Amino acid sequence: MEMPEVISVCYCGNTVKLNTSWSNNNPSNRFFWCKKFGSRFRKPCRFFTWFDPPLTPRSRIVLLGLLKKVRTLENARRTERKTWFFVFVFVTVLLFFKP
């Protein structure tokens, strides 16, 4: 696959950075955008361009399935860490604060 020409400066003269989208609409697609993109700036820059071509339908289905599994595992890990923290606090209180 031929790589597109790399763009390093946006319309307002700022250097742009290559980012990766992990949204459900554009999973793993890389893009360039200006740090002043959006409405929170007094003079926002409208520079935004995709770096990668769109995914094939099959690639998109596979990637979204994998992302769902990763997010599920991350949530389970977060819950497990909270549980172990509360167990640790409870045991610590029982061991060190005896009447």
PDB file of N, CA and C in Angstrom:
ATOM      1  N   MET A   1       0.848  -1.174   0.000  1.00  0.00           N
ATOM      2  CA  MET A   1       0.000   0.000   0.000  1.00  0.00           C
ATOM      3  C   MET A   1       0.895   1.239   0.000  1.00  0.00           C
ATOM      4  N   GLU A   2       0.560   2.175  -0.827  1.00  0.00           N
ATOM      5  CA  GLU A   2       1.333   3.401  -0.918  1.00  0.00           C
ATOM      6  C   GLU A   2       0.937   4.343   0.222  1.00  0.00           C
ATOM      7  N   MET A   3       1.933   4.894   0.896  1.00  0.00           N
ATOM      8  CA  MET A   3       1.674   5.803   2.010  1.00  0.00           C
ATOM      9  C   MET A   3       1.371   7.200   1.478  1.00  0.00           C
ATOM     10  N   PRO A   4       0.352   7.876   2.027  1.00  0.00           N
ATOM     11  CA  PRO A   4       0.054   9.242   1.606  1.00  0.00           C
ATOM     12  C   PRO A   4       1.170  10.187   2.033  1.00  0.00           C
ATOM     13  N   GLU A   5       1.224  11.297   1.371  1.00  0.00           N
ATOM     14  CA  GLU A   5       2.220  12.307   1.724  1.00  0.00           C
ATOM     15  C   GLU A   5       1.954  12.809   3.139  1.00  0.00           C
ATOM     16  N   VAL A   6       2.992  12.909   3.946  1.00  0.00           N
ATOM     17  CA  VAL A   6       2.848  13.338   5.335  1.00  0.00           C
ATOM     18  C   VAL A   6       2.713  14.850   5.390  1.00  0.00           C
ATOM     19  N   ILE A   7       1.708  15.308   6.116  1.00  0.00           N
ATOM     20  CA  ILE A   7       1.451  16.738   6.283  1.00  0.00           C
ATOM     21  C   ILE A   7       1.931  17.126   7.669  1.00  0.00           C
ATOM     22  N   SER A   8       2.778  18.130   7.770  1.00  0.00           N
ATOM     23  CA  SER A   8       3.311  18.479   9.078  1.00  0.00           C
ATOM     24  C   SER A   8       2.872  19.845   9.590  1.00  0.00           C
ATOM     25  N   VAL A   9       2.225  20.662   8.749  1.00  0.00           N
ATOM     26  CA  VAL A   9       1.791  21.999   9.174  1.00  0.00           C
ATOM     27  C   VAL A   9       0.339  22.213   8.733  1.00  0.00           C
ATOM     28  N   CYS A  10      -0.468  22.800   9.638  1.00  0.00           N
ATOM     29  CA  CYS A  10      -1.880  23.050   9.317  1.00  0.00           C
ATOM     30  C   CYS A  10      -2.062  24.444   8.713  1.00  0.00           C
ATOM     31  N   TYR A  11      -3.330  24.820   8.541  1.00  0.00           N
ATOM     32  CA  TYR A  11      -3.666  26.111   7.933  1.00  0.00           C
ATOM     33  C   TYR A  11      -3.153  27.302   8.732  1.00  0.00           C
ATOM     34  N   CYS A  12      -3.145  27.177  10.067  1.00  0.00           N
ATOM     35  CA  CYS A  12      -2.737  28.315  10.900  1.00  0.00           C
ATOM     36  C   CYS A  12      -1.250  28.297  11.235  1.00  0.00           C
ATOM     37  N   GLY A  13      -0.505  27.354  10.678  1.00  0.00           N
ATOM     38  CA  GLY A  13       0.938  27.332  10.861  1.00  0.00           C
ATOM     39  C   GLY A  13       1.435  26.443  11.987  1.00  0.00           C
ATOM     40  N   ASN A  14       0.528  25.827  12.767  1.00  0.00           N
ATOM     41  CA  ASN A  14       0.954  24.917  13.829  1.00  0.00           C
ATOM     42  C   ASN A  14       1.381  23.585  13.226  1.00  0.00           C
ATOM     43  N   THR A  15       2.299  22.918  13.905  1.00  0.00           N
ATOM     44  CA  THR A  15       2.643  21.572  13.458  1.00  0.00           C
ATOM     45  C   THR A  15       1.515  20.634  13.871  1.00  0.00           C
ATOM     46  N   VAL A  16       1.225  19.666  13.038  1.00  0.00           N
ATOM     47  CA  VAL A  16       0.165  18.706  13.327  1.00  0.00           C
ATOM     48  C   VAL A  16       0.787  17.385  13.734  1.00  0.00           C
ATOM     49  N   LYS A  17       0.014  16.598  14.470  1.00  0.00           N
ATOM     50  CA  LYS A  17       0.478  15.329  14.982  1.00  0.00           C
ATOM     51  C   LYS A  17      -0.415  14.222  14.427  1.00  0.00           C
ATOM     52  N   LEU A  18       0.175  13.081  14.162  1.00  0.00           N
ATOM     53  CA  LEU A  18      -0.594  11.935  13.702  1.00  0.00           C
ATOM     54  C   LEU A  18      -1.248  11.280  14.912  1.00  0.00           C
ATOM     55  N   ASN A  19      -2.568  11.189  14.901  1.00  0.00           N
ATOM     56  CA  ASN A  19      -3.348  10.604  15.999  1.00  0.00           C
ATOM     57  C   ASN A  19      -4.088   9.371  15.488  1.00  0.00           C
ATOM     58  N   THR A  20      -4.611   8.572  16.410  1.00  0.00           N
ATOM     59  CA  THR A  20      -5.384   7.389  16.048  1.00  0.00           C
ATOM     60  C   THR A  20      -6.773   7.474  16.657  1.00  0.00           C
ATOM     61  N   SER A  21      -7.782   7.256  15.833  1.00  0.00           N
ATOM     62  CA  SER A  21      -9.169   7.240  16.303  1.00  0.00           C
ATOM     63  C   SER A  21      -9.506   5.846  16.813  1.00  0.00           C
ATOM     64  N   TRP A  22     -10.144   5.779  17.975  1.00  0.00           N
ATOM     65  CA  TRP A  22     -10.633   4.500  18.498  1.00  0.00           C
ATOM     66  C   TRP A  22     -12.145   4.529  18.649  1.00  0.00           C
ATOM     67  N   SER A  23     -12.798   5.413  17.908  1.00  0.00           N
ATOM     68  CA  SER A  23     -14.263   5.464  17.952  1.00  0.00           C
ATOM     69  C   SER A  23     -14.843   4.273  17.194  1.00  0.00           C
ATOM     70  N   ASN A  24     -16.103   3.983  17.436  1.00  0.00           N
ATOM     71  CA  ASN A  24     -16.758   2.889  16.718  1.00  0.00           C
ATOM     72  C   ASN A  24     -16.913   3.195  15.234  1.00  0.00           C
ATOM     73  N   ASN A  25     -16.982   4.470  14.880  1.00  0.00           N
ATOM     74  CA  ASN A  25     -17.143   4.849  13.475  1.00  0.00           C
ATOM     75  C   ASN A  25     -15.846   4.740  12.678  1.00  0.00           C
ATOM     76  N   ASN A  26     -14.703   4.977  13.330  1.00  0.00           N
ATOM     77  CA  ASN A  26     -13.419   4.975  12.629  1.00  0.00           C
ATOM     78  C   ASN A  26     -12.342   4.264  13.443  1.00  0.00           C
ATOM     79  N   PRO A  27     -12.545   2.999  13.791  1.00  0.00           N
ATOM     80  CA  PRO A  27     -11.572   2.329  14.650  1.00  0.00           C
ATOM     81  C   PRO A  27     -10.215   2.162  13.970  1.00  0.00           C
ATOM     82  N   SER A  28      -9.173   2.556  14.668  1.00  0.00           N
ATOM     83  CA  SER A  28      -7.772   2.448  14.274  1.00  0.00           C
ATOM     84  C   SER A  28      -7.378   3.307  13.079  1.00  0.00           C
ATOM     85  N   ASN A  29      -8.261   4.176  12.605  1.00  0.00           N
ATOM     86  CA  ASN A  29      -7.901   5.058  11.503  1.00  0.00           C
ATOM     87  C   ASN A  29      -7.072   6.224  12.037  1.00  0.00           C
ATOM     88  N   ARG A  30      -5.958   6.471  11.365  1.00  0.00           N
ATOM     89  CA  ARG A  30      -5.089   7.567  11.789  1.00  0.00           C
ATOM     90  C   ARG A  30      -5.469   8.846  11.055  1.00  0.00           C
ATOM     91  N   PHE A  31      -5.233   9.984  11.724  1.00  0.00           N
ATOM     92  CA  PHE A  31      -5.607  11.277  11.158  1.00  0.00           C
ATOM     93  C   PHE A  31      -4.679  12.369  11.670  1.00  0.00           C
ATOM     94  N   PHE A  32      -4.619  13.458  10.909  1.00  0.00           N
ATOM     95  CA  PHE A  32      -3.921  14.668  11.334  1.00  0.00           C
ATOM     96  C   PHE A  32      -4.969  15.698  11.714  1.00  0.00           C
ATOM     97  N   TRP A  33      -4.676  16.452  12.767  1.00  0.00           N
ATOM     98  CA  TRP A  33      -5.538  17.580  13.087  1.00  0.00           C
ATOM     99  C   TRP A  33      -4.742  18.614  13.860  1.00  0.00           C
ATOM    100  N   CYS A  34      -5.209  19.842  13.808  1.00  0.00           N
ATOM    101  CA  CYS A  34      -4.562  20.948  14.502  1.00  0.00           C
ATOM    102  C   CYS A  34      -4.996  20.937  15.965  1.00  0.00           C
ATOM    103  N   LYS A  35      -4.076  21.318  16.839  1.00  0.00           N
ATOM    104  CA  LYS A  35      -4.433  21.368  18.263  1.00  0.00           C
ATOM    105  C   LYS A  35      -5.470  22.457  18.551  1.00  0.00           C
ATOM    106  N   LYS A  36      -5.681  23.371  17.605  1.00  0.00           N
ATOM    107  CA  LYS A  36      -6.699  24.414  17.763  1.00  0.00           C
ATOM    108  C   LYS A  36      -8.002  24.045  17.064  1.00  0.00           C
ATOM    109  N   PHE A  37      -8.174  22.778  16.682  1.00  0.00           N
ATOM    110  CA  PHE A  37      -9.396  22.333  16.019  1.00  0.00           C
ATOM    111  C   PHE A  37     -10.543  22.329  17.029  1.00  0.00           C
ATOM    112  N   GLY A  38     -11.684  22.854  16.641  1.00  0.00           N
ATOM    113  CA  GLY A  38     -12.848  22.837  17.526  1.00  0.00           C
ATOM    114  C   GLY A  38     -13.271  24.221  17.943  1.00  0.00           C
ATOM    115  N   SER A  39     -14.380  24.298  18.648  1.00  0.00           N
ATOM    116  CA  SER A  39     -14.997  25.586  18.964  1.00  0.00           C
ATOM    117  C   SER A  39     -14.547  26.181  20.294  1.00  0.00           C
ATOM    118  N   ARG A  40     -13.692  25.503  21.058  1.00  0.00           N
ATOM    119  CA  ARG A  40     -13.308  26.048  22.362  1.00  0.00           C
ATOM    120  C   ARG A  40     -12.246  27.145  22.255  1.00  0.00           C
ATOM    121  N   PHE A  41     -11.741  27.392  21.046  1.00  0.00           N
ATOM    122  CA  PHE A  41     -10.754  28.447  20.834  1.00  0.00           C
ATOM    123  C   PHE A  41     -11.422  29.667  20.216  1.00  0.00           C
ATOM    124  N   ARG A  42     -10.864  30.839  20.511  1.00  0.00           N
ATOM    125  CA  ARG A  42     -11.425  32.069  19.951  1.00  0.00           C
ATOM    126  C   ARG A  42     -11.312  32.052  18.425  1.00  0.00           C
ATOM    127  N   LYS A  43     -10.168  31.592  17.921  1.00  0.00           N
ATOM    128  CA  LYS A  43      -9.974  31.467  16.473  1.00  0.00           C
ATOM    129  C   LYS A  43      -9.606  30.012  16.172  1.00  0.00           C
ATOM    130  N   PRO A  44     -10.611  29.137  16.091  1.00  0.00           N
ATOM    131  CA  PRO A  44     -10.302  27.727  15.865  1.00  0.00           C
ATOM    132  C   PRO A  44      -9.773  27.483  14.456  1.00  0.00           C
ATOM    133  N   CYS A  45      -8.940  26.489  14.340  1.00  0.00           N
ATOM    134  CA  CYS A  45      -8.417  26.056  13.042  1.00  0.00           C
ATOM    135  C   CYS A  45      -9.287  24.895  12.571  1.00  0.00           C
ATOM    136  N   ARG A  46      -9.594  24.827  11.318  1.00  0.00           N
ATOM    137  CA  ARG A  46     -10.470  23.779  10.768  1.00  0.00           C
ATOM    138  C   ARG A  46      -9.675  22.662  10.086  1.00  0.00           C
ATOM    139  N   PHE A  47      -8.366  22.580  10.372  1.00  0.00           N
ATOM    140  CA  PHE A  47      -7.552  21.574   9.691  1.00  0.00           C
ATOM    141  C   PHE A  47      -7.809  20.193  10.268  1.00  0.00           C
ATOM    142  N   PHE A  48      -8.208  19.259   9.408  1.00  0.00           N
ATOM    143  CA  PHE A  48      -8.415  17.860   9.765  1.00  0.00           C
ATOM    144  C   PHE A  48      -8.319  17.046   8.480  1.00  0.00           C
ATOM    145  N   THR A  49      -7.528  15.986   8.493  1.00  0.00           N
ATOM    146  CA  THR A  49      -7.455  15.112   7.328  1.00  0.00           C
ATOM    147  C   THR A  49      -7.125  13.691   7.763  1.00  0.00           C
ATOM    148  N   TRP A  50      -7.752  12.716   7.101  1.00  0.00           N
ATOM    149  CA  TRP A  50      -7.471  11.322   7.387  1.00  0.00           C
ATOM    150  C   TRP A  50      -6.147  10.932   6.772  1.00  0.00           C
ATOM    151  N   PHE A  51      -5.397  10.094   7.446  1.00  0.00           N
ATOM    152  CA  PHE A  51      -4.126   9.583   6.956  1.00  0.00           C
ATOM    153  C   PHE A  51      -4.320   8.226   6.290  1.00  0.00           C
ATOM    154  N   ASP A  52      -5.170   7.388   6.873  1.00  0.00           N
ATOM    155  CA  ASP A  52      -5.401   6.037   6.363  1.00  0.00           C
ATOM    156  C   ASP A  52      -6.649   5.982   5.489  1.00  0.00           C
ATOM    157  N   PRO A  53      -6.666   5.056   4.534  1.00  0.00           N
ATOM    158  CA  PRO A  53      -7.905   4.848   3.762  1.00  0.00           C
ATOM    159  C   PRO A  53      -8.941   4.162   4.652  1.00  0.00           C
ATOM    160  N   PRO A  54     -10.225   4.206   4.283  1.00  0.00           N
ATOM    161  CA  PRO A  54     -11.268   3.545   5.083  1.00  0.00           C
ATOM    162  C   PRO A  54     -11.020   2.030   5.171  1.00  0.00           C
ATOM    163  N   LEU A  55     -11.480   1.437   6.262  1.00  0.00           N
ATOM    164  CA  LEU A  55     -11.354  -0.009   6.442  1.00  0.00           C
ATOM    165  C   LEU A  55     -12.339  -0.752   5.546  1.00  0.00           C
ATOM    166  N   THR A  56     -11.990  -1.984   5.222  1.00  0.00           N
ATOM    167  CA  THR A  56     -12.951  -2.827   4.508  1.00  0.00           C
ATOM    168  C   THR A  56     -14.042  -3.224   5.506  1.00  0.00           C
ATOM    169  N   PRO A  57     -15.225  -3.571   5.034  1.00  0.00           N
ATOM    170  CA  PRO A  57     -16.300  -3.963   5.964  1.00  0.00           C
ATOM    171  C   PRO A  57     -15.886  -5.110   6.894  1.00  0.00           C
ATOM    172  N   ARG A  58     -15.194  -6.119   6.370  1.00  0.00           N
ATOM    173  CA  ARG A  58     -14.765  -7.257   7.191  1.00  0.00           C
ATOM    174  C   ARG A  58     -13.763  -6.811   8.258  1.00  0.00           C
ATOM    175  N   SER A  59     -12.798  -5.991   7.888  1.00  0.00           N
ATOM    176  CA  SER A  59     -11.809  -5.493   8.851  1.00  0.00           C
ATOM    177  C   SER A  59     -12.483  -4.705   9.962  1.00  0.00           C
ATOM    178  N   ARG A  60     -13.458  -3.916   9.585  1.00  0.00           N
ATOM    179  CA  ARG A  60     -14.181  -3.103  10.564  1.00  0.00           C
ATOM    180  C   ARG A  60     -14.909  -3.992  11.580  1.00  0.00           C
ATOM    181  N   ILE A  61     -15.582  -5.054  11.112  1.00  0.00           N
ATOM    182  CA  ILE A  61     -16.303  -5.964  12.006  1.00  0.00           C
ATOM    183  C   ILE A  61     -15.335  -6.644  12.970  1.00  0.00           C
ATOM    184  N   VAL A  62     -14.217  -7.149  12.438  1.00  0.00           N
ATOM    185  CA  VAL A  62     -13.227  -7.829  13.277  1.00  0.00           C
ATOM    186  C   VAL A  62     -12.646  -6.868  14.306  1.00  0.00           C
ATOM    187  N   LEU A  63     -12.264  -5.685  13.867  1.00  0.00           N
ATOM    188  CA  LEU A  63     -11.654  -4.719  14.769  1.00  0.00           C
ATOM    189  C   LEU A  63     -12.613  -4.259  15.861  1.00  0.00           C
ATOM    190  N   LEU A  64     -13.874  -4.015  15.508  1.00  0.00           N
ATOM    191  CA  LEU A  64     -14.853  -3.607  16.516  1.00  0.00           C
ATOM    192  C   LEU A  64     -15.093  -4.715  17.533  1.00  0.00           C
ATOM    193  N   GLY A  65     -15.091  -5.971  17.083  1.00  0.00           N
ATOM    194  CA  GLY A  65     -15.231  -7.099  18.010  1.00  0.00           C
ATOM    195  C   GLY A  65     -14.061  -7.168  18.980  1.00  0.00           C
ATOM    196  N   LEU A  66     -12.859  -6.979  18.463  1.00  0.00           N
ATOM    197  CA  LEU A  66     -11.672  -6.992  19.320  1.00  0.00           C
ATOM    198  C   LEU A  66     -11.680  -5.829  20.311  1.00  0.00           C
ATOM    199  N   LEU A  67     -12.078  -4.645  19.844  1.00  0.00           N
ATOM    200  CA  LEU A  67     -12.154  -3.491  20.738  1.00  0.00           C
ATOM    201  C   LEU A  67     -13.160  -3.723  21.857  1.00  0.00           C
ATOM    202  N   LYS A  68     -14.287  -4.347  21.535  1.00  0.00           N
ATOM    203  CA  LYS A  68     -15.300  -4.644  22.553  1.00  0.00           C
ATOM    204  C   LYS A  68     -14.732  -5.590  23.611  1.00  0.00           C
ATOM    205  N   LYS A  69     -13.985  -6.608  23.170  1.00  0.00           N
ATOM    206  CA  LYS A  69     -13.374  -7.540  24.118  1.00  0.00           C
ATOM    207  C   LYS A  69     -12.352  -6.844  25.003  1.00  0.00           C
ATOM    208  N   VAL A  70     -11.535  -5.975  24.415  1.00  0.00           N
ATOM    209  CA  VAL A  70     -10.526  -5.242  25.196  1.00  0.00           C
ATOM    210  C   VAL A  70     -11.206  -4.363  26.239  1.00  0.00           C
ATOM    211  N   ARG A  71     -12.244  -3.648  25.834  1.00  0.00           N
ATOM    212  CA  ARG A  71     -12.954  -2.768  26.782  1.00  0.00           C
ATOM    213  C   ARG A  71     -13.610  -3.575  27.901  1.00  0.00           C
ATOM    214  N   THR A  72     -14.158  -4.737  27.579  1.00  0.00           N
ATOM    215  CA  THR A  72     -14.764  -5.611  28.591  1.00  0.00           C
ATOM    216  C   THR A  72     -13.712  -6.075  29.594  1.00  0.00           C
ATOM    217  N   LEU A  73     -12.551  -6.492  29.089  1.00  0.00           N
ATOM    218  CA  LEU A  73     -11.463  -6.929  29.974  1.00  0.00           C
ATOM    219  C   LEU A  73     -10.937  -5.780  30.832  1.00  0.00           C
ATOM    220  N   GLU A  74     -10.829  -4.599  30.258  1.00  0.00           N
ATOM    221  CA  GLU A  74     -10.375  -3.437  31.034  1.00  0.00           C
ATOM    222  C   GLU A  74     -11.351  -3.114  32.154  1.00  0.00           C
ATOM    223  N   ASN A  75     -12.649  -3.175  31.873  1.00  0.00           N
ATOM    224  CA  ASN A  75     -13.661  -2.915  32.901  1.00  0.00           C
ATOM    225  C   ASN A  75     -13.612  -3.977  33.998  1.00  0.00           C
ATOM    226  N   ALA A  76     -13.437  -5.240  33.621  1.00  0.00           N
ATOM    227  CA  ALA A  76     -13.344  -6.318  34.606  1.00  0.00           C
ATOM    228  C   ALA A  76     -12.115  -6.133  35.480  1.00  0.00           C
ATOM    229  N   ARG A  77     -11.019  -5.733  34.881  1.00  0.00           N
ATOM    230  CA  ARG A  77      -9.782  -5.495  35.652  1.00  0.00           C
ATOM    231  C   ARG A  77      -9.962  -4.341  36.632  1.00  0.00           C
ATOM    232  N   ARG A  78     -10.615  -3.292  36.180  1.00  0.00           N
ATOM    233  CA  ARG A  78     -10.874  -2.136  37.040  1.00  0.00           C
ATOM    234  C   ARG A  78     -11.725  -2.551  38.245  1.00  0.00           C
ATOM    235  N   THR A  79     -12.758  -3.332  37.994  1.00  0.00           N
ATOM    236  CA  THR A  79     -13.635  -3.808  39.068  1.00  0.00           C
ATOM    237  C   THR A  79     -12.864  -4.699  40.038  1.00  0.00           C
ATOM    238  N   GLU A  80     -12.030  -5.579  39.496  1.00  0.00           N
ATOM    239  CA  GLU A  80     -11.235  -6.472  40.342  1.00  0.00           C
ATOM    240  C   GLU A  80     -10.265  -5.691  41.226  1.00  0.00           C
ATOM    241  N   ARG A  81      -9.640  -4.673  40.663  1.00  0.00           N
ATOM    242  CA  ARG A  81      -8.708  -3.856  41.453  1.00  0.00           C
ATOM    243  C   ARG A  81      -9.431  -3.146  42.595  1.00  0.00           C
ATOM    244  N   LYS A  82     -10.635  -2.630  42.335  1.00  0.00           N
ATOM    245  CA  LYS A  82     -11.413  -1.982  43.391  1.00  0.00           C
ATOM    246  C   LYS A  82     -11.765  -2.976  44.484  1.00  0.00           C
ATOM    247  N   THR A  83     -12.169  -4.178  44.077  1.00  0.00           N
ATOM    248  CA  THR A  83     -12.526  -5.207  45.052  1.00  0.00           C
ATOM    249  C   THR A  83     -11.341  -5.539  45.942  1.00  0.00           C
ATOM    250  N   TRP A  84     -10.177  -5.776  45.347  1.00  0.00           N
ATOM    251  CA  TRP A  84      -8.991  -6.111  46.135  1.00  0.00           C
ATOM    252  C   TRP A  84      -8.563  -4.963  47.036  1.00  0.00           C
ATOM    253  N   PHE A  85      -8.759  -3.731  46.595  1.00  0.00           N
ATOM    254  CA  PHE A  85      -8.434  -2.580  47.434  1.00  0.00           C
ATOM    255  C   PHE A  85      -9.313  -2.576  48.689  1.00  0.00           C
ATOM    256  N   PHE A  86     -10.615  -2.805  48.508  1.00  0.00           N
ATOM    257  CA  PHE A  86     -11.516  -2.823  49.666  1.00  0.00           C
ATOM    258  C   PHE A  86     -11.210  -3.996  50.598  1.00  0.00           C
ATOM    259  N   VAL A  87     -10.827  -5.144  50.035  1.00  0.00           N
ATOM    260  CA  VAL A  87     -10.426  -6.285  50.866  1.00  0.00           C
ATOM    261  C   VAL A  87      -9.184  -5.920  51.675  1.00  0.00           C
ATOM    262  N   PHE A  88      -8.217  -5.290  51.037  1.00  0.00           N
ATOM    263  CA  PHE A  88      -6.992  -4.870  51.720  1.00  0.00           C
ATOM    264  C   PHE A  88      -7.294  -3.902  52.867  1.00  0.00           C
ATOM    265  N   VAL A  89      -8.128  -2.917  52.604  1.00  0.00           N
ATOM    266  CA  VAL A  89      -8.490  -1.934  53.638  1.00  0.00           C
ATOM    267  C   VAL A  89      -9.208  -2.631  54.785  1.00  0.00           C
ATOM    268  N   PHE A  90     -10.133  -3.509  54.479  1.00  0.00           N
ATOM    269  CA  PHE A  90     -10.898  -4.220  55.498  1.00  0.00           C
ATOM    270  C   PHE A  90      -9.974  -5.077  56.378  1.00  0.00           C
ATOM    271  N   VAL A  91      -9.070  -5.826  55.756  1.00  0.00           N
ATOM    272  CA  VAL A  91      -8.140  -6.675  56.512  1.00  0.00           C
ATOM    273  C   VAL A  91      -7.197  -5.810  57.353  1.00  0.00           C
ATOM    274  N   THR A  92      -6.734  -4.715  56.802  1.00  0.00           N
ATOM    275  CA  THR A  92      -5.847  -3.809  57.528  1.00  0.00           C
ATOM    276  C   THR A  92      -6.553  -3.258  58.755  1.00  0.00           C
ATOM    277  N   VAL A  93      -7.790  -2.861  58.620  1.00  0.00           N
ATOM    278  CA  VAL A  93      -8.554  -2.344  59.745  1.00  0.00           C
ATOM    279  C   VAL A  93      -8.728  -3.423  60.812  1.00  0.00           C
ATOM    280  N   LEU A  94      -9.042  -4.633  60.391  1.00  0.00           N
ATOM    281  CA  LEU A  94      -9.223  -5.724  61.352  1.00  0.00           C
ATOM    282  C   LEU A  94      -7.933  -6.061  62.078  1.00  0.00           C
ATOM    283  N   LEU A  95      -6.796  -6.034  61.392  1.00  0.00           N
ATOM    284  CA  LEU A  95      -5.515  -6.421  62.009  1.00  0.00           C
ATOM    285  C   LEU A  95      -4.925  -5.352  62.932  1.00  0.00           C
ATOM    286  N   PHE A  96      -5.056  -4.094  62.537  1.00  0.00           N
ATOM    287  CA  PHE A  96      -4.335  -3.044  63.252  1.00  0.00           C
ATOM    288  C   PHE A  96      -5.181  -2.197  64.191  1.00  0.00           C
ATOM    289  N   PHE A  97      -6.473  -2.307  64.115  1.00  0.00           N
ATOM    290  CA  PHE A  97      -7.314  -1.488  64.983  1.00  0.00           C
ATOM    291  C   PHE A  97      -8.157  -2.369  65.889  1.00  0.00           C
ATOM    292  N   LYS A  98      -7.496  -3.215  66.649  1.00  0.00           N
ATOM    293  CA  LYS A  98      -8.202  -4.060  67.603  1.00  0.00           C
ATOM    294  C   LYS A  98      -8.469  -3.262  68.875  1.00  0.00           C
ATOM    295  N   PRO A  99      -9.642  -3.432  69.477  1.00  0.00           N
ATOM    296  CA  PRO A  99      -9.942  -2.698  70.720  1.00  0.00           C
ATOM    297  C   PRO A  99      -9.190  -3.222  71.911  1.00  0.00           C
TER     298      PRO A  99
END
